[in-house]
Amino acid sequence: MRAPVIVDTHAAHAATGTQPATVRKWIQRGHLIHYGYDRAGRALIDLHELEQRLAAQAA
């Protein structure tokens, strides 16, 4: 298991193309683990977990 790479929703968007609103909705629905907020108030998530979710949806 890889160590989590904690990023905000905008960095996740830059890395994967997933809209920040989509990431926030997945957090609300329990599809992604929420790791708190950054100083700007953006949700923090594990980039690897988001990539795994995207790969599972594509399969």
N, C-alpha and C. Protein backbone atom coordinates (compact mmCIF):
# COMPACT_ATOMS: atom_id res chain seq x y z
N MET A 1 0.85 -1.19 0.00
CA MET A 1 0.00 0.00 0.00
C MET A 1 0.89 1.25 0.00
N ARG A 2 0.57 2.16 -0.86
CA ARG A 2 1.35 3.39 -0.97
C ARG A 2 0.93 4.38 0.10
N ALA A 3 1.87 5.22 0.48
CA ALA A 3 1.55 6.31 1.41
C ALA A 3 0.62 7.30 0.71
N PRO A 4 -0.34 7.86 1.44
CA PRO A 4 -1.26 8.81 0.81
C PRO A 4 -0.54 10.07 0.35
N VAL A 5 -0.99 10.59 -0.77
CA VAL A 5 -0.51 11.88 -1.28
C VAL A 5 -1.68 12.84 -1.09
N ILE A 6 -1.60 13.66 -0.05
CA ILE A 6 -2.71 14.54 0.30
C ILE A 6 -2.63 15.82 -0.52
N VAL A 7 -3.71 16.09 -1.26
CA VAL A 7 -3.79 17.28 -2.11
C VAL A 7 -5.15 17.93 -1.93
N ASP A 8 -5.24 19.21 -2.32
CA ASP A 8 -6.54 19.88 -2.28
C ASP A 8 -7.29 19.59 -3.58
N THR A 9 -8.53 20.03 -3.64
CA THR A 9 -9.37 19.70 -4.80
C THR A 9 -8.85 20.32 -6.09
N HIS A 10 -8.20 21.48 -5.99
CA HIS A 10 -7.68 22.12 -7.20
C HIS A 10 -6.44 21.39 -7.72
N ALA A 11 -5.59 20.91 -6.83
CA ALA A 11 -4.43 20.11 -7.26
C ALA A 11 -4.90 18.78 -7.84
N ALA A 12 -5.95 18.21 -7.26
CA ALA A 12 -6.51 16.97 -7.79
C ALA A 12 -7.05 17.20 -9.20
N HIS A 13 -7.67 18.34 -9.42
CA HIS A 13 -8.17 18.69 -10.75
C HIS A 13 -7.02 18.82 -11.74
N ALA A 14 -5.94 19.47 -11.33
CA ALA A 14 -4.77 19.64 -12.20
C ALA A 14 -4.15 18.29 -12.56
N ALA A 15 -4.15 17.36 -11.61
CA ALA A 15 -3.51 16.06 -11.82
C ALA A 15 -4.38 15.09 -12.62
N THR A 16 -5.71 15.18 -12.46
CA THR A 16 -6.58 14.16 -13.05
C THR A 16 -7.63 14.72 -14.00
N GLY A 17 -7.90 16.01 -13.95
CA GLY A 17 -8.94 16.59 -14.78
C GLY A 17 -10.33 16.49 -14.17
N THR A 18 -10.43 15.92 -12.97
CA THR A 18 -11.72 15.80 -12.28
C THR A 18 -12.08 17.14 -11.65
N GLN A 19 -13.28 17.61 -11.93
CA GLN A 19 -13.71 18.90 -11.40
C GLN A 19 -13.76 18.90 -9.87
N PRO A 20 -13.36 20.02 -9.23
CA PRO A 20 -13.41 20.10 -7.77
C PRO A 20 -14.80 19.81 -7.20
N ALA A 21 -15.84 20.23 -7.89
CA ALA A 21 -17.20 19.98 -7.41
C ALA A 21 -17.51 18.48 -7.39
N THR A 22 -16.99 17.75 -8.36
CA THR A 22 -17.18 16.30 -8.41
C THR A 22 -16.48 15.65 -7.22
N VAL A 23 -15.26 16.09 -6.94
CA VAL A 23 -14.51 15.54 -5.81
C VAL A 23 -15.26 15.82 -4.50
N ARG A 24 -15.78 17.04 -4.34
CA ARG A 24 -16.53 17.37 -3.11
C ARG A 24 -17.78 16.49 -2.99
N LYS A 25 -18.46 16.24 -4.09
CA LYS A 25 -19.66 15.40 -4.07
C LYS A 25 -19.30 13.97 -3.69
N TRP A 26 -18.20 13.45 -4.21
CA TRP A 26 -17.77 12.10 -3.85
C TRP A 26 -17.41 12.01 -2.37
N ILE A 27 -16.86 13.09 -1.82
CA ILE A 27 -16.59 13.11 -0.38
C ILE A 27 -17.91 13.04 0.38
N GLN A 28 -18.87 13.85 -0.02
CA GLN A 28 -20.18 13.87 0.65
C GLN A 28 -20.85 12.51 0.59
N ARG A 29 -20.70 11.80 -0.51
CA ARG A 29 -21.34 10.49 -0.68
C ARG A 29 -20.55 9.35 -0.05
N GLY A 30 -19.36 9.67 0.48
CA GLY A 30 -18.56 8.65 1.14
C GLY A 30 -17.69 7.83 0.21
N HIS A 31 -17.51 8.29 -1.02
CA HIS A 31 -16.69 7.57 -1.98
C HIS A 31 -15.21 7.87 -1.81
N LEU A 32 -14.88 9.00 -1.20
CA LEU A 32 -13.50 9.39 -0.94
C LEU A 32 -13.37 9.78 0.53
N ILE A 33 -12.20 9.52 1.10
CA ILE A 33 -11.94 9.91 2.48
C ILE A 33 -11.52 11.38 2.51
N HIS A 34 -12.08 12.12 3.44
CA HIS A 34 -11.81 13.54 3.60
C HIS A 34 -10.75 13.72 4.67
N TYR A 35 -9.67 14.44 4.36
CA TYR A 35 -8.56 14.62 5.30
C TYR A 35 -8.51 16.02 5.88
N GLY A 36 -9.62 16.73 5.90
CA GLY A 36 -9.65 18.08 6.46
C GLY A 36 -9.67 19.12 5.36
N TYR A 37 -9.24 20.33 5.73
CA TYR A 37 -9.24 21.47 4.81
C TYR A 37 -7.89 22.17 4.85
N ASP A 38 -7.54 22.81 3.73
CA ASP A 38 -6.33 23.63 3.72
C ASP A 38 -6.68 25.04 4.20
N ARG A 39 -5.70 25.93 4.19
CA ARG A 39 -5.92 27.30 4.68
C ARG A 39 -6.94 28.08 3.85
N ALA A 40 -7.09 27.69 2.60
CA ALA A 40 -8.05 28.36 1.72
C ALA A 40 -9.45 27.76 1.83
N GLY A 41 -9.62 26.72 2.67
CA GLY A 41 -10.92 26.11 2.86
C GLY A 41 -11.23 25.00 1.88
N ARG A 42 -10.24 24.58 1.09
CA ARG A 42 -10.45 23.51 0.12
C ARG A 42 -10.28 22.16 0.80
N ALA A 43 -11.12 21.21 0.40
CA ALA A 43 -11.07 19.86 0.95
C ALA A 43 -9.76 19.20 0.55
N LEU A 44 -9.23 18.38 1.46
CA LEU A 44 -8.01 17.62 1.21
C LEU A 44 -8.35 16.15 1.03
N ILE A 45 -7.78 15.53 0.00
CA ILE A 45 -8.03 14.12 -0.30
C ILE A 45 -6.72 13.43 -0.65
N ASP A 46 -6.76 12.10 -0.73
CA ASP A 46 -5.61 11.31 -1.16
C ASP A 46 -5.68 11.17 -2.68
N LEU A 47 -4.65 11.65 -3.36
CA LEU A 47 -4.63 11.60 -4.82
C LEU A 47 -4.67 10.16 -5.33
N HIS A 48 -3.99 9.25 -4.65
CA HIS A 48 -4.00 7.84 -5.07
C HIS A 48 -5.41 7.25 -5.00
N GLU A 49 -6.14 7.62 -3.96
CA GLU A 49 -7.52 7.12 -3.81
C GLU A 49 -8.40 7.64 -4.95
N LEU A 50 -8.23 8.89 -5.31
CA LEU A 50 -8.99 9.46 -6.43
C LEU A 50 -8.63 8.75 -7.73
N GLU A 51 -7.36 8.50 -7.95
CA GLU A 51 -6.94 7.81 -9.17
C GLU A 51 -7.52 6.40 -9.23
N GLN A 52 -7.57 5.72 -8.09
CA GLN A 52 -8.16 4.37 -8.04
C GLN A 52 -9.64 4.43 -8.37
N ARG A 53 -10.34 5.43 -7.86
CA ARG A 53 -11.79 5.57 -8.14
C ARG A 53 -11.99 5.83 -9.64
N LEU A 54 -11.19 6.67 -10.22
CA LEU A 54 -11.32 6.97 -11.64
C LEU A 54 -11.03 5.73 -12.49
N ALA A 55 -10.03 4.95 -12.10
CA ALA A 55 -9.70 3.72 -12.83
C ALA A 55 -10.83 2.71 -12.73
N ALA A 56 -11.46 2.61 -11.55
CA ALA A 56 -12.57 1.67 -11.37
C ALA A 56 -13.77 2.09 -12.22
N GLN A 57 -14.00 3.38 -12.34
CA GLN A 57 -15.12 3.86 -13.16
C GLN A 57 -14.86 3.60 -14.64
N ALA A 58 -13.61 3.68 -15.05
CA ALA A 58 -13.27 3.49 -16.47
C ALA A 58 -13.36 2.02 -16.87
N ALA A 59 -13.21 1.14 -15.88
CA ALA A 59 -13.21 -0.32 -16.18
C ALA A 59 -14.61 -0.84 -16.43
